[in-house]
Amino acid sequence: MSYDISLHLQIDTGGPELVDYCADDIGNYTANVSGMWQEALGRRLADYHGMTAADAQADLVRAVRDMTTDAAKYEAMNPPNGWGDYEGALDYLTRLRNACLAHPKARIRISH
């Protein structure tokens, strides 16, 4: 199982319906590191589905800072099967943080 995350906006182009625009595609990463994200965020990453990027920013900034400053804690949580690791988990969360900072009005879409 894995996470696939993107940020989307609904744009009024003057047509009869709003247009769905993907503002940023964070990509896919294994759920084997979900324990790291939950520890850093204080809740499941999947809980951010449907949330605006602005509402997620503070949690993401704090979580990236925590994972960066306490690397040993999170490296100890590396999955024993070798699918995913601390570096990849931090990179994925950092990309999500950066996208949320760049696109605060977008909504987070998470499939897993």
PDB file of N, CA and C in Angstrom:
ATOM      1  N   MET A   1       0.840  -1.166   0.000  1.00  0.00           N
ATOM      2  CA  MET A   1       0.000   0.000   0.000  1.00  0.00           C
ATOM      3  C   MET A   1       0.897   1.245   0.000  1.00  0.00           C
ATOM      4  N   SER A   2       0.373   2.304  -0.600  1.00  0.00           N
ATOM      5  CA  SER A   2       1.141   3.539  -0.665  1.00  0.00           C
ATOM      6  C   SER A   2       0.209   4.736  -0.641  1.00  0.00           C
ATOM      7  N   TYR A   3       0.809   5.895  -0.510  1.00  0.00           N
ATOM      8  CA  TYR A   3       0.085   7.165  -0.545  1.00  0.00           C
ATOM      9  C   TYR A   3       0.379   7.860  -1.863  1.00  0.00           C
ATOM     10  N   ASP A   4      -0.645   8.450  -2.441  1.00  0.00           N
ATOM     11  CA  ASP A   4      -0.508   9.266  -3.645  1.00  0.00           C
ATOM     12  C   ASP A   4      -1.172  10.594  -3.313  1.00  0.00           C
ATOM     13  N   ILE A   5      -0.397  11.684  -3.309  1.00  0.00           N
ATOM     14  CA  ILE A   5      -0.899  12.980  -2.855  1.00  0.00           C
ATOM     15  C   ILE A   5      -0.742  14.033  -3.948  1.00  0.00           C
ATOM     16  N   SER A   6      -1.778  14.847  -4.082  1.00  0.00           N
ATOM     17  CA  SER A   6      -1.736  15.994  -4.986  1.00  0.00           C
ATOM     18  C   SER A   6      -2.570  17.121  -4.391  1.00  0.00           C
ATOM     19  N   LEU A   7      -2.341  18.330  -4.874  1.00  0.00           N
ATOM     20  CA  LEU A   7      -3.088  19.509  -4.439  1.00  0.00           C
ATOM     21  C   LEU A   7      -3.904  20.017  -5.617  1.00  0.00           C
ATOM     22  N   HIS A   8      -5.195  20.283  -5.369  1.00  0.00           N
ATOM     23  CA  HIS A   8      -6.105  20.659  -6.444  1.00  0.00           C
ATOM     24  C   HIS A   8      -6.861  21.936  -6.118  1.00  0.00           C
ATOM     25  N   LEU A   9      -7.173  22.667  -7.182  1.00  0.00           N
ATOM     26  CA  LEU A   9      -7.997  23.878  -7.113  1.00  0.00           C
ATOM     27  C   LEU A   9      -9.169  23.721  -8.071  1.00  0.00           C
ATOM     28  N   GLN A  10     -10.288  24.308  -7.715  1.00  0.00           N
ATOM     29  CA  GLN A  10     -11.430  24.406  -8.617  1.00  0.00           C
ATOM     30  C   GLN A  10     -11.395  25.826  -9.194  1.00  0.00           C
ATOM     31  N   ILE A  11     -11.292  25.944 -10.504  1.00  0.00           N
ATOM     32  CA  ILE A  11     -11.107  27.239 -11.148  1.00  0.00           C
ATOM     33  C   ILE A  11     -12.325  27.581 -12.007  1.00  0.00           C
ATOM     34  N   ASP A  12     -12.785  28.812 -11.856  1.00  0.00           N
ATOM     35  CA  ASP A  12     -13.887  29.322 -12.675  1.00  0.00           C
ATOM     36  C   ASP A  12     -13.288  29.916 -13.936  1.00  0.00           C
ATOM     37  N   THR A  13     -13.480  29.230 -15.060  1.00  0.00           N
ATOM     38  CA  THR A  13     -12.957  29.709 -16.339  1.00  0.00           C
ATOM     39  C   THR A  13     -14.036  30.404 -17.169  1.00  0.00           C
ATOM     40  N   GLY A  14     -15.219  30.583 -16.569  1.00  0.00           N
ATOM     41  CA  GLY A  14     -16.316  31.220 -17.279  1.00  0.00           C
ATOM     42  C   GLY A  14     -17.246  30.235 -17.959  1.00  0.00           C
ATOM     43  N   GLY A  15     -16.878  28.967 -17.951  1.00  0.00           N
ATOM     44  CA  GLY A  15     -17.721  27.933 -18.546  1.00  0.00           C
ATOM     45  C   GLY A  15     -18.825  27.518 -17.584  1.00  0.00           C
ATOM     46  N   PRO A  16     -19.592  26.528 -17.974  1.00  0.00           N
ATOM     47  CA  PRO A  16     -20.729  26.111 -17.149  1.00  0.00           C
ATOM     48  C   PRO A  16     -20.316  25.410 -15.847  1.00  0.00           C
ATOM     49  N   GLU A  17     -19.125  24.875 -15.779  1.00  0.00           N
ATOM     50  CA  GLU A  17     -18.671  24.161 -14.586  1.00  0.00           C
ATOM     51  C   GLU A  17     -17.268  24.616 -14.206  1.00  0.00           C
ATOM     52  N   LEU A  18     -16.951  24.459 -12.925  1.00  0.00           N
ATOM     53  CA  LEU A  18     -15.593  24.724 -12.470  1.00  0.00           C
ATOM     54  C   LEU A  18     -14.656  23.682 -13.056  1.00  0.00           C
ATOM     55  N   VAL A  19     -13.432  24.072 -13.295  1.00  0.00           N
ATOM     56  CA  VAL A  19     -12.424  23.176 -13.840  1.00  0.00           C
ATOM     57  C   VAL A  19     -11.495  22.735 -12.711  1.00  0.00           C
ATOM     58  N   ASP A  20     -11.245  21.431 -12.640  1.00  0.00           N
ATOM     59  CA  ASP A  20     -10.316  20.900 -11.645  1.00  0.00           C
ATOM     60  C   ASP A  20      -8.888  21.090 -12.161  1.00  0.00           C
ATOM     61  N   TYR A  21      -8.063  21.743 -11.358  1.00  0.00           N
ATOM     62  CA  TYR A  21      -6.675  22.009 -11.738  1.00  0.00           C
ATOM     63  C   TYR A  21      -5.752  21.403 -10.691  1.00  0.00           C
ATOM     64  N   CYS A  22      -4.826  20.589 -11.132  1.00  0.00           N
ATOM     65  CA  CYS A  22      -3.829  20.013 -10.223  1.00  0.00           C
ATOM     66  C   CYS A  22      -2.693  21.025 -10.071  1.00  0.00           C
ATOM     67  N   ALA A  23      -2.626  21.651  -8.905  1.00  0.00           N
ATOM     68  CA  ALA A  23      -1.613  22.666  -8.644  1.00  0.00           C
ATOM     69  C   ALA A  23      -0.250  22.046  -8.385  1.00  0.00           C
ATOM     70  N   ASP A  24      -0.232  20.841  -7.814  1.00  0.00           N
ATOM     71  CA  ASP A  24       1.040  20.182  -7.517  1.00  0.00           C
ATOM     72  C   ASP A  24       0.793  18.698  -7.300  1.00  0.00           C
ATOM     73  N   ASP A  25       1.644  17.881  -7.865  1.00  0.00           N
ATOM     74  CA  ASP A  25       1.565  16.429  -7.689  1.00  0.00           C
ATOM     75  C   ASP A  25       2.760  16.003  -6.855  1.00  0.00           C
ATOM     76  N   ILE A  26       2.501  15.630  -5.620  1.00  0.00           N
ATOM     77  CA  ILE A  26       3.578  15.236  -4.712  1.00  0.00           C
ATOM     78  C   ILE A  26       4.116  13.862  -5.097  1.00  0.00           C
ATOM     79  N   GLY A  27       3.271  13.037  -5.665  1.00  0.00           N
ATOM     80  CA  GLY A  27       3.683  11.718  -6.102  1.00  0.00           C
ATOM     81  C   GLY A  27       3.258  10.631  -5.135  1.00  0.00           C
ATOM     82  N   ASN A  28       3.972   9.541  -5.201  1.00  0.00           N
ATOM     83  CA  ASN A  28       3.606   8.322  -4.496  1.00  0.00           C
ATOM     84  C   ASN A  28       4.744   7.907  -3.571  1.00  0.00           C
ATOM     85  N   TYR A  29       4.383   7.430  -2.379  1.00  0.00           N
ATOM     86  CA  TYR A  29       5.396   6.881  -1.477  1.00  0.00           C
ATOM     87  C   TYR A  29       4.763   5.786  -0.624  1.00  0.00           C
ATOM     88  N   THR A  30       5.558   4.849  -0.235  1.00  0.00           N
ATOM     89  CA  THR A  30       5.087   3.688   0.503  1.00  0.00           C
ATOM     90  C   THR A  30       4.467   4.044   1.863  1.00  0.00           C
ATOM     91  N   ALA A  31       3.434   3.316   2.218  1.00  0.00           N
ATOM     92  CA  ALA A  31       2.784   3.489   3.524  1.00  0.00           C
ATOM     93  C   ALA A  31       3.569   2.815   4.644  1.00  0.00           C
ATOM     94  N   ASN A  32       4.643   2.131   4.309  1.00  0.00           N
ATOM     95  CA  ASN A  32       5.452   1.473   5.341  1.00  0.00           C
ATOM     96  C   ASN A  32       6.069   2.459   6.323  1.00  0.00           C
ATOM     97  N   VAL A  33       6.126   3.732   5.957  1.00  0.00           N
ATOM     98  CA  VAL A  33       6.686   4.756   6.838  1.00  0.00           C
ATOM     99  C   VAL A  33       5.591   5.592   7.505  1.00  0.00           C
ATOM    100  N   SER A  34       4.345   5.160   7.404  1.00  0.00           N
ATOM    101  CA  SER A  34       3.237   5.957   7.944  1.00  0.00           C
ATOM    102  C   SER A  34       3.365   6.183   9.449  1.00  0.00           C
ATOM    103  N   GLY A  35       4.015   5.287  10.154  1.00  0.00           N
ATOM    104  CA  GLY A  35       4.253   5.491  11.587  1.00  0.00           C
ATOM    105  C   GLY A  35       5.128   6.709  11.858  1.00  0.00           C
ATOM    106  N   MET A  36       6.100   6.936  11.001  1.00  0.00           N
ATOM    107  CA  MET A  36       6.948   8.134  11.140  1.00  0.00           C
ATOM    108  C   MET A  36       6.118   9.396  10.964  1.00  0.00           C
ATOM    109  N   TRP A  37       5.307   9.403   9.906  1.00  0.00           N
ATOM    110  CA  TRP A  37       4.484  10.584   9.648  1.00  0.00           C
ATOM    111  C   TRP A  37       3.494  10.825  10.777  1.00  0.00           C
ATOM    112  N   GLN A  38       2.893   9.747  11.278  1.00  0.00           N
ATOM    113  CA  GLN A  38       1.932   9.907  12.366  1.00  0.00           C
ATOM    114  C   GLN A  38       2.614  10.443  13.622  1.00  0.00           C
ATOM    115  N   GLU A  39       3.792   9.977  13.895  1.00  0.00           N
ATOM    116  CA  GLU A  39       4.557  10.466  15.051  1.00  0.00           C
ATOM    117  C   GLU A  39       4.868  11.955  14.894  1.00  0.00           C
ATOM    118  N   ALA A  40       5.290  12.345  13.713  1.00  0.00           N
ATOM    119  CA  ALA A  40       5.679  13.739  13.473  1.00  0.00           C
ATOM    120  C   ALA A  40       4.472  14.678  13.396  1.00  0.00           C
ATOM    121  N   LEU A  41       3.395  14.217  12.784  1.00  0.00           N
ATOM    122  CA  LEU A  41       2.219  15.071  12.581  1.00  0.00           C
ATOM    123  C   LEU A  41       1.265  15.077  13.770  1.00  0.00           C
ATOM    124  N   GLY A  42       1.300  14.000  14.545  1.00  0.00           N
ATOM    125  CA  GLY A  42       0.355  13.879  15.647  1.00  0.00           C
ATOM    126  C   GLY A  42      -0.979  13.293  15.219  1.00  0.00           C
ATOM    127  N   ARG A  43      -1.073  12.908  13.975  1.00  0.00           N
ATOM    128  CA  ARG A  43      -2.253  12.219  13.428  1.00  0.00           C
ATOM    129  C   ARG A  43      -1.869  11.563  12.111  1.00  0.00           C
ATOM    130  N   ARG A  44      -2.781  10.766  11.577  1.00  0.00           N
ATOM    131  CA  ARG A  44      -2.491  10.048  10.332  1.00  0.00           C
ATOM    132  C   ARG A  44      -2.373  11.025   9.156  1.00  0.00           C
ATOM    133  N   LEU A  45      -1.479  10.743   8.257  1.00  0.00           N
ATOM    134  CA  LEU A  45      -1.331  11.561   7.052  1.00  0.00           C
ATOM    135  C   LEU A  45      -2.643  11.575   6.261  1.00  0.00           C
ATOM    136  N   ALA A  46      -3.346  10.462   6.226  1.00  0.00           N
ATOM    137  CA  ALA A  46      -4.614  10.366   5.495  1.00  0.00           C
ATOM    138  C   ALA A  46      -5.664  11.339   6.022  1.00  0.00           C
ATOM    139  N   ASP A  47      -5.528  11.789   7.267  1.00  0.00           N
ATOM    140  CA  ASP A  47      -6.482  12.734   7.842  1.00  0.00           C
ATOM    141  C   ASP A  47      -6.461  14.089   7.139  1.00  0.00           C
ATOM    142  N   TYR A  48      -5.438  14.351   6.358  1.00  0.00           N
ATOM    143  CA  TYR A  48      -5.317  15.634   5.665  1.00  0.00           C
ATOM    144  C   TYR A  48      -6.088  15.654   4.342  1.00  0.00           C
ATOM    145  N   HIS A  49      -6.641  14.521   3.952  1.00  0.00           N
ATOM    146  CA  HIS A  49      -7.418  14.461   2.707  1.00  0.00           C
ATOM    147  C   HIS A  49      -8.610  15.416   2.799  1.00  0.00           C
ATOM    148  N   GLY A  50      -8.733  16.281   1.795  1.00  0.00           N
ATOM    149  CA  GLY A  50      -9.831  17.232   1.732  1.00  0.00           C
ATOM    150  C   GLY A  50      -9.560  18.551   2.439  1.00  0.00           C
ATOM    151  N   MET A  51      -8.513  18.619   3.210  1.00  0.00           N
ATOM    152  CA  MET A  51      -8.162  19.836   3.945  1.00  0.00           C
ATOM    153  C   MET A  51      -7.529  20.853   2.998  1.00  0.00           C
ATOM    154  N   THR A  52      -7.710  22.130   3.282  1.00  0.00           N
ATOM    155  CA  THR A  52      -6.995  23.120   2.486  1.00  0.00           C
ATOM    156  C   THR A  52      -5.523  23.095   2.877  1.00  0.00           C
ATOM    157  N   ALA A  53      -4.699  23.443   1.926  1.00  0.00           N
ATOM    158  CA  ALA A  53      -3.260  23.484   2.175  1.00  0.00           C
ATOM    159  C   ALA A  53      -2.939  24.464   3.303  1.00  0.00           C
ATOM    160  N   ALA A  54      -3.654  25.587   3.347  1.00  0.00           N
ATOM    161  CA  ALA A  54      -3.425  26.583   4.408  1.00  0.00           C
ATOM    162  C   ALA A  54      -3.667  25.984   5.783  1.00  0.00           C
ATOM    163  N   ASP A  55      -4.691  25.152   5.908  1.00  0.00           N
ATOM    164  CA  ASP A  55      -5.003  24.548   7.202  1.00  0.00           C
ATOM    165  C   ASP A  55      -3.988  23.493   7.620  1.00  0.00           C
ATOM    166  N   ALA A  56      -3.259  22.943   6.673  1.00  0.00           N
ATOM    167  CA  ALA A  56      -2.262  21.909   6.975  1.00  0.00           C
ATOM    168  C   ALA A  56      -0.863  22.467   7.185  1.00  0.00           C
ATOM    169  N   GLN A  57      -0.636  23.716   6.803  1.00  0.00           N
ATOM    170  CA  GLN A  57       0.726  24.271   6.815  1.00  0.00           C
ATOM    171  C   GLN A  57       1.428  24.177   8.157  1.00  0.00           C
ATOM    172  N   ALA A  58       0.788  24.605   9.216  1.00  0.00           N
ATOM    173  CA  ALA A  58       1.459  24.636  10.533  1.00  0.00           C
ATOM    174  C   ALA A  58       1.885  23.240  10.959  1.00  0.00           C
ATOM    175  N   ASP A  59       1.016  22.254  10.789  1.00  0.00           N
ATOM    176  CA  ASP A  59       1.367  20.873  11.154  1.00  0.00           C
ATOM    177  C   ASP A  59       2.541  20.379  10.336  1.00  0.00           C
ATOM    178  N   LEU A  60       2.521  20.664   9.040  1.00  0.00           N
ATOM    179  CA  LEU A  60       3.585  20.183   8.164  1.00  0.00           C
ATOM    180  C   LEU A  60       4.921  20.851   8.462  1.00  0.00           C
ATOM    181  N   VAL A  61       4.895  22.141   8.718  1.00  0.00           N
ATOM    182  CA  VAL A  61       6.133  22.853   9.070  1.00  0.00           C
ATOM    183  C   VAL A  61       6.714  22.265  10.349  1.00  0.00           C
ATOM    184  N   ARG A  62       5.870  22.060  11.346  1.00  0.00           N
ATOM    185  CA  ARG A  62       6.320  21.498  12.621  1.00  0.00           C
ATOM    186  C   ARG A  62       6.843  20.067  12.439  1.00  0.00           C
ATOM    187  N   ALA A  63       6.127  19.252  11.652  1.00  0.00           N
ATOM    188  CA  ALA A  63       6.516  17.855  11.465  1.00  0.00           C
ATOM    189  C   ALA A  63       7.854  17.726  10.741  1.00  0.00           C
ATOM    190  N   VAL A  64       8.051  18.527   9.700  1.00  0.00           N
ATOM    191  CA  VAL A  64       9.333  18.489   8.972  1.00  0.00           C
ATOM    192  C   VAL A  64      10.462  18.930   9.894  1.00  0.00           C
ATOM    193  N   ARG A  65      10.219  19.970  10.685  1.00  0.00           N
ATOM    194  CA  ARG A  65      11.244  20.438  11.622  1.00  0.00           C
ATOM    195  C   ARG A  65      11.574  19.332  12.637  1.00  0.00           C
ATOM    196  N   ASP A  66      10.554  18.661  13.163  1.00  0.00           N
ATOM    197  CA  ASP A  66      10.774  17.603  14.151  1.00  0.00           C
ATOM    198  C   ASP A  66      11.540  16.429  13.537  1.00  0.00           C
ATOM    199  N   MET A  67      11.152  16.035  12.335  1.00  0.00           N
ATOM    200  CA  MET A  67      11.855  14.914  11.693  1.00  0.00           C
ATOM    201  C   MET A  67      13.301  15.270  11.375  1.00  0.00           C
ATOM    202  N   THR A  68      13.552  16.535  11.069  1.00  0.00           N
ATOM    203  CA  THR A  68      14.904  16.971  10.738  1.00  0.00           C
ATOM    204  C   THR A  68      15.784  17.063  11.974  1.00  0.00           C
ATOM    205  N   THR A  69      15.230  17.601  13.057  1.00  0.00           N
ATOM    206  CA  THR A  69      16.041  17.810  14.259  1.00  0.00           C
ATOM    207  C   THR A  69      16.213  16.556  15.103  1.00  0.00           C
ATOM    208  N   ASP A  70      15.351  15.567  14.926  1.00  0.00           N
ATOM    209  CA  ASP A  70      15.449  14.328  15.711  1.00  0.00           C
ATOM    210  C   ASP A  70      15.552  13.129  14.772  1.00  0.00           C
ATOM    211  N   ALA A  71      16.485  13.206  13.844  1.00  0.00           N
ATOM    212  CA  ALA A  71      16.633  12.176  12.821  1.00  0.00           C
ATOM    213  C   ALA A  71      16.804  10.779  13.407  1.00  0.00           C
ATOM    214  N   ALA A  72      17.563  10.637  14.478  1.00  0.00           N
ATOM    215  CA  ALA A  72      17.814   9.315  15.054  1.00  0.00           C
ATOM    216  C   ALA A  72      16.518   8.636  15.485  1.00  0.00           C
ATOM    217  N   LYS A  73      15.609   9.414  16.044  1.00  0.00           N
ATOM    218  CA  LYS A  73      14.307   8.869  16.477  1.00  0.00           C
ATOM    219  C   LYS A  73      13.566   8.263  15.295  1.00  0.00           C
ATOM    220  N   TYR A  74      13.572   8.970  14.169  1.00  0.00           N
ATOM    221  CA  TYR A  74      12.826   8.506  12.999  1.00  0.00           C
ATOM    222  C   TYR A  74      13.584   7.433  12.212  1.00  0.00           C
ATOM    223  N   GLU A  75      14.910   7.512  12.197  1.00  0.00           N
ATOM    224  CA  GLU A  75      15.689   6.458  11.540  1.00  0.00           C
ATOM    225  C   GLU A  75      15.474   5.117  12.225  1.00  0.00           C
ATOM    226  N   ALA A  76      15.264   5.151  13.532  1.00  0.00           N
ATOM    227  CA  ALA A  76      14.991   3.913  14.285  1.00  0.00           C
ATOM    228  C   ALA A  76      13.652   3.298  13.888  1.00  0.00           C
ATOM    229  N   MET A  77      12.804   4.072  13.222  1.00  0.00           N
ATOM    230  CA  MET A  77      11.495   3.589  12.792  1.00  0.00           C
ATOM    231  C   MET A  77      11.511   3.080  11.347  1.00  0.00           C
ATOM    232  N   ASN A  78      12.695   3.006  10.724  1.00  0.00           N
ATOM    233  CA  ASN A  78      12.775   2.491   9.354  1.00  0.00           C
ATOM    234  C   ASN A  78      12.123   1.113   9.281  1.00  0.00           C
ATOM    235  N   PRO A  79      11.322   0.849   8.255  1.00  0.00           N
ATOM    236  CA  PRO A  79      10.661  -0.446   8.130  1.00  0.00           C
ATOM    237  C   PRO A  79      11.677  -1.575   7.990  1.00  0.00           C
ATOM    238  N   PRO A  80      11.484  -2.660   8.703  1.00  0.00           N
ATOM    239  CA  PRO A  80      12.442  -3.769   8.630  1.00  0.00           C
ATOM    240  C   PRO A  80      12.482  -4.450   7.260  1.00  0.00           C
ATOM    241  N   ASN A  81      11.416  -4.303   6.464  1.00  0.00           N
ATOM    242  CA  ASN A  81      11.411  -4.943   5.142  1.00  0.00           C
ATOM    243  C   ASN A  81      12.176  -4.135   4.098  1.00  0.00           C
ATOM    244  N   GLY A  82      12.654  -2.938   4.473  1.00  0.00           N
ATOM    245  CA  GLY A  82      13.455  -2.127   3.561  1.00  0.00           C
ATOM    246  C   GLY A  82      12.657  -1.329   2.539  1.00  0.00           C
ATOM    247  N   TRP A  83      11.345  -1.398   2.590  1.00  0.00           N
ATOM    248  CA  TRP A  83      10.502  -0.630   1.667  1.00  0.00           C
ATOM    249  C   TRP A  83      10.210   0.711   2.292  1.00  0.00           C
ATOM    250  N   GLY A  84      10.953   1.724   1.895  1.00  0.00           N
ATOM    251  CA  GLY A  84      10.839   3.050   2.464  1.00  0.00           C
ATOM    252  C   GLY A  84      11.849   3.237   3.576  1.00  0.00           C
ATOM    253  N   ASP A  85      12.164   4.499   3.843  1.00  0.00           N
ATOM    254  CA  ASP A  85      13.108   4.804   4.909  1.00  0.00           C
ATOM    255  C   ASP A  85      12.910   6.250   5.368  1.00  0.00           C
ATOM    256  N   TYR A  86      13.657   6.611   6.398  1.00  0.00           N
ATOM    257  CA  TYR A  86      13.561   7.946   6.975  1.00  0.00           C
ATOM    258  C   TYR A  86      13.789   9.038   5.923  1.00  0.00           C
ATOM    259  N   GLU A  87      14.834   8.891   5.120  1.00  0.00           N
ATOM    260  CA  GLU A  87      15.164   9.923   4.138  1.00  0.00           C
ATOM    261  C   GLU A  87      14.018  10.124   3.147  1.00  0.00           C
ATOM    262  N   GLY A  88      13.452   9.036   2.660  1.00  0.00           N
ATOM    263  CA  GLY A  88      12.344   9.127   1.717  1.00  0.00           C
ATOM    264  C   GLY A  88      11.094   9.700   2.355  1.00  0.00           C
ATOM    265  N   ALA A  89      10.822   9.304   3.599  1.00  0.00           N
ATOM    266  CA  ALA A  89       9.652   9.811   4.316  1.00  0.00           C
ATOM    267  C   ALA A  89       9.774  11.309   4.557  1.00  0.00           C
ATOM    268  N   LEU A  90      10.952  11.751   4.950  1.00  0.00           N
ATOM    269  CA  LEU A  90      11.184  13.172   5.181  1.00  0.00           C
ATOM    270  C   LEU A  90      11.078  13.955   3.877  1.00  0.00           C
ATOM    271  N   ASP A  91      11.653  13.432   2.815  1.00  0.00           N
ATOM    272  CA  ASP A  91      11.586  14.109   1.519  1.00  0.00           C
ATOM    273  C   ASP A  91      10.132  14.263   1.057  1.00  0.00           C
ATOM    274  N   TYR A  92       9.340  13.216   1.193  1.00  0.00           N
ATOM    275  CA  TYR A  92       7.936  13.246   0.767  1.00  0.00           C
ATOM    276  C   TYR A  92       7.149  14.280   1.580  1.00  0.00           C
ATOM    277  N   LEU A  93       7.360  14.283   2.900  1.00  0.00           N
ATOM    278  CA  LEU A  93       6.663  15.245   3.748  1.00  0.00           C
ATOM    279  C   LEU A  93       7.134  16.677   3.462  1.00  0.00           C
ATOM    280  N   THR A  94       8.411  16.845   3.177  1.00  0.00           N
ATOM    281  CA  THR A  94       8.954  18.165   2.834  1.00  0.00           C
ATOM    282  C   THR A  94       8.349  18.676   1.530  1.00  0.00           C
ATOM    283  N   ARG A  95       8.204  17.791   0.542  1.00  0.00           N
ATOM    284  CA  ARG A  95       7.582  18.199  -0.720  1.00  0.00           C
ATOM    285  C   ARG A  95       6.123  18.595  -0.506  1.00  0.00           C
ATOM    286  N   LEU A  96       5.416  17.871   0.356  1.00  0.00           N
ATOM    287  CA  LEU A  96       4.032  18.230   0.667  1.00  0.00           C
ATOM    288  C   LEU A  96       3.978  19.576   1.380  1.00  0.00           C
ATOM    289  N   ARG A  97       4.870  19.787   2.339  1.00  0.00           N
ATOM    290  CA  ARG A  97       4.926  21.079   3.044  1.00  0.00           C
ATOM    291  C   ARG A  97       5.165  22.219   2.067  1.00  0.00           C
ATOM    292  N   ASN A  98       6.141  22.052   1.192  1.00  0.00           N
ATOM    293  CA  ASN A  98       6.477  23.104   0.237  1.00  0.00           C
ATOM    294  C   ASN A  98       5.318  23.404  -0.703  1.00  0.00           C
ATOM    295  N   ALA A  99       4.624  22.377  -1.142  1.00  0.00           N
ATOM    296  CA  ALA A  99       3.471  22.565  -2.023  1.00  0.00           C
ATOM    297  C   ALA A  99       2.351  23.295  -1.289  1.00  0.00           C
ATOM    298  N   CYS A 100       2.126  22.958  -0.037  1.00  0.00           N
ATOM    299  CA  CYS A 100       1.079  23.623   0.743  1.00  0.00           C
ATOM    300  C   CYS A 100       1.426  25.090   0.990  1.00  0.00           C
ATOM    301  N   LEU A 101       2.684  25.386   1.195  1.00  0.00           N
ATOM    302  CA  LEU A 101       3.103  26.776   1.361  1.00  0.00           C
ATOM    303  C   LEU A 101       2.939  27.554   0.057  1.00  0.00           C
ATOM    304  N   ALA A 102       3.177  26.905  -1.068  1.00  0.00           N
ATOM    305  CA  ALA A 102       3.083  27.563  -2.375  1.00  0.00           C
ATOM    306  C   ALA A 102       1.642  27.717  -2.862  1.00  0.00           C
ATOM    307  N   HIS A 103       0.753  26.831  -2.417  1.00  0.00           N
ATOM    308  CA  HIS A 103      -0.630  26.811  -2.922  1.00  0.00           C
ATOM    309  C   HIS A 103      -1.627  26.735  -1.765  1.00  0.00           C
ATOM    310  N   PRO A 104      -1.700  27.737  -0.911  1.00  0.00           N
ATOM    311  CA  PRO A 104      -2.516  27.660   0.303  1.00  0.00           C
ATOM    312  C   PRO A 104      -4.016  27.472   0.063  1.00  0.00           C
ATOM    313  N   LYS A 105      -4.534  27.853  -1.090  1.00  0.00           N
ATOM    314  CA  LYS A 105      -5.972  27.713  -1.355  1.00  0.00           C
ATOM    315  C   LYS A 105      -6.340  26.341  -1.927  1.00  0.00           C
ATOM    316  N   ALA A 106      -5.337  25.567  -2.279  1.00  0.00           N
ATOM    317  CA  ALA A 106      -5.593  24.235  -2.858  1.00  0.00           C
ATOM    318  C   ALA A 106      -6.078  23.271  -1.789  1.00  0.00           C
ATOM    319  N   ARG A 107      -6.753  22.232  -2.234  1.00  0.00           N
ATOM    320  CA  ARG A 107      -7.195  21.164  -1.340  1.00  0.00           C
ATOM    321  C   ARG A 107      -6.283  19.945  -1.549  1.00  0.00           C
ATOM    322  N   ILE A 108      -5.995  19.294  -0.459  1.00  0.00           N
ATOM    323  CA  ILE A 108      -5.118  18.132  -0.480  1.00  0.00           C
ATOM    324  C   ILE A 108      -5.954  16.894  -0.840  1.00  0.00           C
ATOM    325  N   ARG A 109      -5.470  16.135  -1.805  1.00  0.00           N
ATOM    326  CA  ARG A 109      -6.105  14.870  -2.166  1.00  0.00           C
ATOM    327  C   ARG A 109      -5.129  13.752  -1.873  1.00  0.00           C
ATOM    328  N   ILE A 110      -5.599  12.795  -1.091  1.00  0.00           N
ATOM    329  CA  ILE A 110      -4.755  11.663  -0.724  1.00  0.00           C
ATOM    330  C   ILE A 110      -5.502  10.376  -1.065  1.00  0.00           C
ATOM    331  N   SER A 111      -4.869   9.541  -1.845  1.00  0.00           N
ATOM    332  CA  SER A 111      -5.416   8.206  -2.068  1.00  0.00           C
ATOM    333  C   SER A 111      -4.377   7.207  -1.565  1.00  0.00           C
ATOM    334  N   HIS A 112      -4.894   6.140  -1.015  1.00  0.00           N
ATOM    335  CA  HIS A 112      -3.995   5.070  -0.525  1.00  0.00           C
ATOM    336  C   HIS A 112      -4.706   3.763  -0.537  1.00  0.00           C
TER     337      HIS A 112
END
